[in-house]
């Protein structure tokens, strides 16, 4: 389930969802609702980083190239990160300085 707006069910920007910092908010293009990350996102992001750091050395006997191991694990983990629900919510802060 890719991230969708809770108000209008429009798809949210996947680039915001996968690469933004925890404090970054995103406004829906269709209905202008403001979205922010939850603390569950912080947990999942930490697990993703730990997986990228610790899993590739475990696959050393299976895949010889370290670069390929890191790319494969990172792409798998980022795909999982994009489909896990409950990582964002509607923001209660409507004043973000955007005019």
N, C-alpha and C. Protein backbone atom coordinates (compact mmCIF):
# COMPACT_ATOMS: atom_id res chain seq x y z
N UNK A 1 0.84 -1.17 0.00
CA UNK A 1 0.00 0.00 0.00
C UNK A 1 0.89 1.23 0.00
N UNK A 2 0.96 1.91 -1.12
CA UNK A 2 1.74 3.12 -1.21
C UNK A 2 1.04 4.23 -0.43
N UNK A 3 1.78 5.24 0.03
CA UNK A 3 1.18 6.27 0.87
C UNK A 3 0.11 7.07 0.12
N UNK A 4 -1.04 7.19 0.76
CA UNK A 4 -2.17 7.93 0.19
C UNK A 4 -2.65 8.98 1.18
N UNK A 5 -3.24 10.02 0.66
CA UNK A 5 -3.82 11.07 1.49
C UNK A 5 -5.04 10.49 2.22
N UNK A 6 -5.15 10.78 3.50
CA UNK A 6 -6.28 10.26 4.27
C UNK A 6 -7.57 11.01 3.96
N UNK A 7 -7.46 12.18 3.37
CA UNK A 7 -8.63 12.98 3.08
C UNK A 7 -9.23 12.66 1.70
N UNK A 8 -8.38 12.58 0.66
CA UNK A 8 -8.90 12.41 -0.70
C UNK A 8 -8.41 11.14 -1.40
N UNK A 9 -7.59 10.34 -0.75
CA UNK A 9 -7.04 9.09 -1.29
C UNK A 9 -6.13 9.29 -2.50
N UNK A 10 -5.61 10.49 -2.67
CA UNK A 10 -4.64 10.76 -3.72
C UNK A 10 -3.28 10.22 -3.27
N UNK A 11 -2.47 9.70 -4.21
CA UNK A 11 -1.14 9.21 -3.87
C UNK A 11 -0.26 10.36 -3.41
N UNK A 12 0.47 10.14 -2.32
CA UNK A 12 1.44 11.12 -1.85
C UNK A 12 2.75 10.90 -2.58
N UNK A 13 3.59 11.90 -2.56
CA UNK A 13 4.88 11.83 -3.24
C UNK A 13 5.74 10.74 -2.62
N UNK A 14 6.14 9.78 -3.43
CA UNK A 14 6.98 8.69 -2.94
C UNK A 14 8.37 9.19 -2.58
N UNK A 15 8.85 10.22 -3.28
CA UNK A 15 10.16 10.77 -2.95
C UNK A 15 10.14 11.42 -1.57
N UNK A 16 9.05 12.10 -1.20
CA UNK A 16 8.93 12.65 0.15
C UNK A 16 8.88 11.51 1.16
N UNK A 17 8.12 10.51 0.85
CA UNK A 17 7.90 9.42 1.79
C UNK A 17 9.17 8.62 2.08
N UNK A 18 10.03 8.44 1.07
CA UNK A 18 11.21 7.61 1.26
C UNK A 18 12.46 8.39 1.65
N UNK A 19 12.52 9.68 1.34
CA UNK A 19 13.78 10.39 1.58
C UNK A 19 13.69 11.61 2.48
N UNK A 20 12.52 11.94 2.97
CA UNK A 20 12.38 13.14 3.80
C UNK A 20 12.81 12.88 5.24
N UNK A 21 13.20 13.94 5.91
CA UNK A 21 13.52 13.85 7.33
C UNK A 21 12.23 13.74 8.13
N UNK A 22 12.36 13.33 9.39
CA UNK A 22 11.18 13.11 10.24
C UNK A 22 10.36 14.39 10.43
N UNK A 23 10.97 15.54 10.45
CA UNK A 23 10.27 16.79 10.73
C UNK A 23 9.70 17.43 9.47
N UNK A 24 9.93 16.85 8.30
CA UNK A 24 9.42 17.40 7.05
C UNK A 24 7.95 17.06 6.89
N UNK A 25 7.16 18.07 6.56
CA UNK A 25 5.74 17.86 6.32
C UNK A 25 5.47 17.97 4.82
N UNK A 26 4.38 17.36 4.39
CA UNK A 26 4.06 17.33 2.96
C UNK A 26 2.59 17.70 2.78
N UNK A 27 2.34 18.58 1.83
CA UNK A 27 0.97 18.99 1.54
C UNK A 27 0.46 18.23 0.32
N UNK A 28 -0.72 17.66 0.45
CA UNK A 28 -1.34 16.92 -0.65
C UNK A 28 -1.60 17.88 -1.81
N UNK A 29 -1.29 17.43 -3.01
CA UNK A 29 -1.44 18.26 -4.20
C UNK A 29 -2.92 18.48 -4.52
N UNK A 30 -3.74 17.50 -4.26
CA UNK A 30 -5.15 17.57 -4.65
C UNK A 30 -6.02 18.34 -3.65
N UNK A 31 -5.89 18.02 -2.34
CA UNK A 31 -6.80 18.63 -1.36
C UNK A 31 -6.10 19.57 -0.38
N UNK A 32 -4.80 19.71 -0.47
CA UNK A 32 -3.99 20.62 0.36
C UNK A 32 -3.95 20.26 1.84
N UNK A 33 -4.23 19.01 2.18
CA UNK A 33 -4.08 18.56 3.57
C UNK A 33 -2.60 18.37 3.86
N UNK A 34 -2.21 18.69 5.09
CA UNK A 34 -0.81 18.58 5.49
C UNK A 34 -0.57 17.25 6.19
N UNK A 35 0.48 16.52 5.77
CA UNK A 35 0.81 15.22 6.35
C UNK A 35 2.15 15.30 7.05
N UNK A 36 2.29 14.52 8.11
CA UNK A 36 3.56 14.42 8.82
C UNK A 36 3.80 12.97 9.20
N UNK A 37 5.06 12.65 9.55
CA UNK A 37 5.41 11.30 9.93
C UNK A 37 5.04 11.00 11.37
N UNK A 38 4.80 9.73 11.68
CA UNK A 38 4.53 9.30 13.04
C UNK A 38 5.82 8.74 13.66
N UNK A 39 5.78 8.44 14.95
CA UNK A 39 6.94 7.85 15.61
C UNK A 39 7.21 6.43 15.12
N UNK A 40 6.19 5.77 14.60
CA UNK A 40 6.38 4.45 14.00
C UNK A 40 7.34 4.53 12.81
N UNK A 41 7.28 5.63 12.09
CA UNK A 41 8.19 5.85 10.96
C UNK A 41 9.64 5.91 11.46
N UNK A 42 9.86 6.54 12.60
CA UNK A 42 11.21 6.62 13.17
C UNK A 42 11.75 5.22 13.47
N UNK A 43 10.91 4.36 14.01
CA UNK A 43 11.31 2.98 14.29
C UNK A 43 11.65 2.23 13.00
N UNK A 44 10.78 2.33 12.01
CA UNK A 44 11.02 1.64 10.75
C UNK A 44 12.27 2.16 10.05
N UNK A 45 12.50 3.46 10.09
CA UNK A 45 13.69 4.02 9.46
C UNK A 45 14.96 3.52 10.15
N UNK A 46 14.93 3.41 11.45
CA UNK A 46 16.07 2.86 12.18
C UNK A 46 16.33 1.41 11.82
N UNK A 47 15.27 0.64 11.66
CA UNK A 47 15.43 -0.76 11.25
C UNK A 47 15.98 -0.88 9.83
N UNK A 48 15.57 0.02 8.95
CA UNK A 48 16.08 0.03 7.58
C UNK A 48 17.57 0.31 7.57
N UNK A 49 17.99 1.33 8.33
CA UNK A 49 19.42 1.66 8.39
C UNK A 49 20.21 0.50 8.99
N UNK A 50 19.70 -0.11 10.04
CA UNK A 50 20.38 -1.26 10.65
C UNK A 50 20.47 -2.42 9.66
N UNK A 51 19.42 -2.64 8.89
CA UNK A 51 19.44 -3.70 7.89
C UNK A 51 20.45 -3.44 6.80
N UNK A 52 20.56 -2.19 6.35
CA UNK A 52 21.53 -1.85 5.30
C UNK A 52 22.96 -2.01 5.82
N UNK A 53 23.17 -1.76 7.11
CA UNK A 53 24.52 -1.88 7.68
C UNK A 53 24.91 -3.31 8.02
N UNK A 54 23.97 -4.11 8.54
CA UNK A 54 24.33 -5.40 9.10
C UNK A 54 24.01 -6.62 8.23
N UNK A 55 23.08 -6.51 7.29
CA UNK A 55 22.70 -7.68 6.48
C UNK A 55 23.69 -7.97 5.34
N UNK A 56 24.21 -6.97 4.60
CA UNK A 56 25.13 -7.30 3.50
C UNK A 56 26.34 -8.14 3.90
N UNK A 57 26.99 -7.92 5.06
CA UNK A 57 28.11 -8.82 5.40
C UNK A 57 27.68 -10.27 5.60
N UNK A 58 26.42 -10.50 5.97
CA UNK A 58 25.93 -11.87 6.14
C UNK A 58 25.80 -12.60 4.80
N UNK A 59 25.65 -11.86 3.73
CA UNK A 59 25.48 -12.45 2.39
C UNK A 59 26.79 -12.55 1.63
N UNK A 60 27.91 -12.38 2.30
CA UNK A 60 29.21 -12.36 1.64
C UNK A 60 29.50 -13.66 0.91
N UNK A 61 29.10 -14.80 1.44
CA UNK A 61 29.35 -16.08 0.78
C UNK A 61 28.45 -16.34 -0.40
N UNK A 62 27.32 -15.64 -0.48
CA UNK A 62 26.35 -15.85 -1.56
C UNK A 62 26.60 -14.91 -2.73
N UNK A 63 26.81 -13.62 -2.44
CA UNK A 63 27.04 -12.60 -3.47
C UNK A 63 28.43 -12.01 -3.23
N UNK A 64 29.30 -12.10 -4.22
CA UNK A 64 30.70 -11.69 -4.04
C UNK A 64 30.88 -10.17 -3.96
N UNK A 65 30.15 -9.42 -4.77
CA UNK A 65 30.34 -7.97 -4.83
C UNK A 65 29.62 -7.26 -3.68
N UNK A 66 30.38 -6.46 -2.93
CA UNK A 66 29.78 -5.74 -1.82
C UNK A 66 28.78 -4.69 -2.30
N UNK A 67 29.07 -4.03 -3.40
CA UNK A 67 28.17 -3.02 -3.95
C UNK A 67 26.82 -3.61 -4.34
N UNK A 68 26.85 -4.77 -4.97
CA UNK A 68 25.60 -5.42 -5.38
C UNK A 68 24.81 -5.86 -4.15
N UNK A 69 25.49 -6.36 -3.13
CA UNK A 69 24.80 -6.76 -1.89
C UNK A 69 24.09 -5.57 -1.26
N UNK A 70 24.77 -4.43 -1.19
CA UNK A 70 24.17 -3.25 -0.56
C UNK A 70 23.00 -2.74 -1.38
N UNK A 71 23.14 -2.70 -2.70
CA UNK A 71 22.05 -2.22 -3.56
C UNK A 71 20.84 -3.14 -3.46
N UNK A 72 21.05 -4.45 -3.48
CA UNK A 72 19.93 -5.39 -3.39
C UNK A 72 19.20 -5.27 -2.05
N UNK A 73 19.95 -5.24 -0.95
CA UNK A 73 19.32 -5.13 0.37
C UNK A 73 18.62 -3.79 0.53
N UNK A 74 19.27 -2.70 0.10
CA UNK A 74 18.65 -1.38 0.22
C UNK A 74 17.37 -1.28 -0.59
N UNK A 75 17.37 -1.79 -1.82
CA UNK A 75 16.16 -1.72 -2.64
C UNK A 75 15.04 -2.56 -2.04
N UNK A 76 15.37 -3.72 -1.51
CA UNK A 76 14.35 -4.55 -0.87
C UNK A 76 13.78 -3.86 0.37
N UNK A 77 14.65 -3.30 1.19
CA UNK A 77 14.18 -2.65 2.42
C UNK A 77 13.40 -1.37 2.14
N UNK A 78 13.81 -0.59 1.14
CA UNK A 78 13.05 0.62 0.80
C UNK A 78 11.70 0.26 0.19
N UNK A 79 11.62 -0.84 -0.54
CA UNK A 79 10.32 -1.30 -1.04
C UNK A 79 9.41 -1.67 0.12
N UNK A 80 9.95 -2.39 1.09
CA UNK A 80 9.16 -2.72 2.28
C UNK A 80 8.73 -1.48 3.04
N UNK A 81 9.63 -0.50 3.14
CA UNK A 81 9.30 0.74 3.84
C UNK A 81 8.16 1.48 3.16
N UNK A 82 8.09 1.39 1.84
CA UNK A 82 7.05 2.13 1.12
C UNK A 82 5.67 1.49 1.23
N UNK A 83 5.59 0.21 1.60
CA UNK A 83 4.28 -0.43 1.64
C UNK A 83 3.74 -0.68 3.05
N UNK A 84 4.53 -0.41 4.07
CA UNK A 84 4.06 -0.61 5.45
C UNK A 84 3.16 0.56 5.84
N UNK A 85 1.92 0.30 6.26
CA UNK A 85 1.01 1.39 6.62
C UNK A 85 1.30 1.97 8.01
N UNK A 86 0.69 3.12 8.29
CA UNK A 86 0.75 3.73 9.60
C UNK A 86 1.96 4.61 9.85
N UNK A 87 2.66 5.04 8.80
CA UNK A 87 3.86 5.83 8.98
C UNK A 87 3.63 7.33 8.87
N UNK A 88 2.46 7.74 8.46
CA UNK A 88 2.18 9.18 8.37
C UNK A 88 0.76 9.44 8.85
N UNK A 89 0.51 10.70 9.20
CA UNK A 89 -0.81 11.11 9.68
C UNK A 89 -1.07 12.53 9.22
N UNK A 90 -2.31 12.96 9.37
CA UNK A 90 -2.64 14.35 9.06
C UNK A 90 -2.04 15.23 10.14
N UNK A 91 -1.45 16.32 9.72
CA UNK A 91 -0.78 17.21 10.64
C UNK A 91 -1.78 18.13 11.32
N UNK A 92 -1.56 18.40 12.59
CA UNK A 92 -2.41 19.35 13.31
C UNK A 92 -1.90 20.76 13.16
N UNK A 93 -0.69 20.93 12.65
CA UNK A 93 -0.08 22.24 12.46
C UNK A 93 -0.35 22.71 11.04
N UNK A 94 -1.25 23.65 10.87
CA UNK A 94 -1.58 24.17 9.54
C UNK A 94 -0.73 25.34 9.15
N UNK A 95 0.02 25.92 10.06
CA UNK A 95 0.84 27.09 9.77
C UNK A 95 2.28 26.66 9.52
N UNK A 96 2.63 26.43 8.25
CA UNK A 96 3.99 26.03 7.90
C UNK A 96 4.73 27.11 7.15
N UNK A 97 4.13 28.26 7.02
CA UNK A 97 4.80 29.37 6.35
C UNK A 97 4.73 29.34 4.84
N UNK A 98 3.88 28.52 4.26
CA UNK A 98 3.72 28.45 2.81
C UNK A 98 2.55 29.34 2.42
N UNK A 99 2.80 30.22 1.47
CA UNK A 99 1.72 31.13 1.05
C UNK A 99 1.32 30.86 -0.36
